[in-house]
C-alpha atoms as a PDB file:
ATOM      1  CA  MET A   1     -34.842  43.685  -0.679  1.00  0.00           C
ATOM      2  CA  ASN A   2     -32.326  46.435  -1.395  1.00  0.00           C
ATOM      3  CA  GLY A   3     -29.636  44.235  -2.972  1.00  0.00           C
ATOM      4  CA  GLU A   4     -29.876  41.462  -0.376  1.00  0.00           C
ATOM      5  CA  LEU A   5     -30.735  37.863  -1.015  1.00  0.00           C
ATOM      6  CA  ALA A   6     -33.432  35.947   0.857  1.00  0.00           C
ATOM      7  CA  HIS A   7     -30.836  34.364   3.182  1.00  0.00           C
ATOM      8  CA  GLY A   8     -29.708  37.785   4.341  1.00  0.00           C
ATOM      9  CA  GLY A   9     -26.432  37.996   2.434  1.00  0.00           C
ATOM     10  CA  SER A  10     -25.382  40.238  -0.356  1.00  0.00           C
ATOM     11  CA  PRO A  11     -24.716  38.806  -3.834  1.00  0.00           C
ATOM     12  CA  LEU A  12     -21.207  40.250  -3.491  1.00  0.00           C
ATOM     13  CA  ASP A  13     -20.597  38.707  -0.040  1.00  0.00           C
ATOM     14  CA  THR A  14     -17.369  36.737  -0.455  1.00  0.00           C
ATOM     15  CA  SER A  15     -16.868  35.664   3.152  1.00  0.00           C
ATOM     16  CA  PRO A  16     -16.120  31.955   3.473  1.00  0.00           C
ATOM     17  CA  PRO A  17     -18.661  29.653   5.074  1.00  0.00           C
ATOM     18  CA  PRO A  18     -18.135  29.125   8.817  1.00  0.00           C
ATOM     19  CA  GLN A  19     -16.963  25.531   8.392  1.00  0.00           C
ATOM     20  CA  SER A  20     -14.247  26.379   5.839  1.00  0.00           C
ATOM     21  CA  GLY A  21     -11.581  26.525   8.574  1.00  0.00           C
ATOM     22  CA  VAL A  22     -12.377  22.923   9.457  1.00  0.00           C
ATOM     23  CA  LEU A  23     -11.937  21.881   5.823  1.00  0.00           C
ATOM     24  CA  VAL A  24      -8.556  23.623   5.614  1.00  0.00           C
ATOM     25  CA  ARG A  25      -7.351  21.865   8.789  1.00  0.00           C
ATOM     26  CA  ASP A  26      -8.640  18.507   7.511  1.00  0.00           C
ATOM     27  CA  LYS A  27      -6.815  19.011   4.212  1.00  0.00           C
ATOM     28  CA  ALA A  28      -3.582  19.958   6.012  1.00  0.00           C
ATOM     29  CA  ALA A  29      -3.873  16.901   8.261  1.00  0.00           C
ATOM     30  CA  SER A  30      -4.534  14.689   5.253  1.00  0.00           C
ATOM     31  CA  THR A  31      -1.523  16.119   3.418  1.00  0.00           C
ATOM     32  CA  HIS A  32       0.672  15.620   6.494  1.00  0.00           C
ATOM     33  CA  ARG A  33      -0.544  12.007   6.835  1.00  0.00           C
ATOM     34  CA  ARG A  34       0.171  11.257   3.146  1.00  0.00           C
ATOM     35  CA  ARG A  35       3.677  12.726   3.452  1.00  0.00           C
ATOM     36  CA  TRP A  36       4.323  10.668   6.606  1.00  0.00           C
ATOM     37  CA  GLU A  37       3.112   7.480   4.867  1.00  0.00           C
ATOM     38  CA  THR A  38       5.312   8.267   1.856  1.00  0.00           C
ATOM     39  CA  ALA A  39       8.354   8.775   4.085  1.00  0.00           C
ATOM     40  CA  ALA A  40       7.628   5.510   5.895  1.00  0.00           C
ATOM     41  CA  GLY A  41       7.313   3.725   2.552  1.00  0.00           C
ATOM     42  CA  LEU A  42      10.621   5.154   1.343  1.00  0.00           C
ATOM     43  CA  ASN A  43      12.258   4.041   4.592  1.00  0.00           C
ATOM     44  CA  ASP A  44      10.899   0.505   4.077  1.00  0.00           C
ATOM     45  CA  LEU A  45      12.216   0.544   0.518  1.00  0.00           C
ATOM     46  CA  ALA A  46      15.686   1.652   1.666  1.00  0.00           C
ATOM     47  CA  GLN A  47      15.771  -1.100   4.300  1.00  0.00           C
ATOM     48  CA  ALA A  48      14.712  -3.712   1.739  1.00  0.00           C
ATOM     49  CA  ASN A  49      17.417  -2.462  -0.635  1.00  0.00           C
ATOM     50  CA  ALA A  50      20.032  -2.735   2.126  1.00  0.00           C
ATOM     51  CA  ARG A  51      18.945  -6.320   2.834  1.00  0.00           C
ATOM     52  CA  VAL A  52      19.232  -7.240  -0.855  1.00  0.00           C
ATOM     53  CA  GLU A  53      22.705  -5.689  -1.057  1.00  0.00           C
ATOM     54  CA  ALA A  54      23.787  -7.632   2.040  1.00  0.00           C
ATOM     55  CA  GLN A  55      22.420 -10.855   0.550  1.00  0.00           C
ATOM     56  CA  ASP A  56      24.223 -10.156  -2.721  1.00  0.00           C
ATOM     57  CA  PHE A  57      27.469  -9.645  -0.773  1.00  0.00           C
ATOM     58  CA  VAL A  58      27.043 -13.002   0.996  1.00  0.00           C
ATOM     59  CA  VAL A  59      26.247 -14.801  -2.250  1.00  0.00           C
ATOM     60  CA  GLU A  60      29.286 -13.265  -3.933  1.00  0.00           C
ATOM     61  CA  ALA A  61      31.483 -14.200  -0.982  1.00  0.00           C
ATOM     62  CA  VAL A  62      30.273 -17.807  -1.051  1.00  0.00           C
ATOM     63  CA  GLU A  63      30.627 -18.052  -4.820  1.00  0.00           C
ATOM     64  CA  THR A  64      34.198 -16.770  -4.756  1.00  0.00           C
ATOM     65  CA  GLY A  65      35.101 -18.879  -1.744  1.00  0.00           C
ATOM     66  CA  LEU A  66      35.916 -15.950   0.506  1.00  0.00           C
ATOM     67  CA  ALA A  67      35.358 -16.285   4.211  1.00  0.00           C
ATOM     68  CA  LEU A  68      33.270 -13.466   5.614  1.00  0.00           C
ATOM     69  CA  GLY A  69      36.027 -12.616   8.110  1.00  0.00           C
ATOM     70  CA  ASP A  70      38.752 -12.288   5.414  1.00  0.00           C
ATOM     71  CA  GLN A  71      39.428  -8.894   3.960  1.00  0.00           C
END
C-alpha cells in the first residue's frame, strides 16, 4: 500500500472534506441569524421600556394634578 489507506488517502492527508465549505457557510448564516434575532429582541425591549417610561410620566402627571399641556 506504500503508506496509503484503503480509501486512497494518506494518513497525513489533512485536506478538509468536500462538504466542509457548506458547514462553514451554514454556521455563518446561523450566527448572523442569531445576531439579527438578538438585535430585534433588544429593539423590542427598548420600545417596551419607552412605553413604560411614558406611562410612568402620565401617572405622575395625573397624581400631581398637572395637565399634560402645562410645562
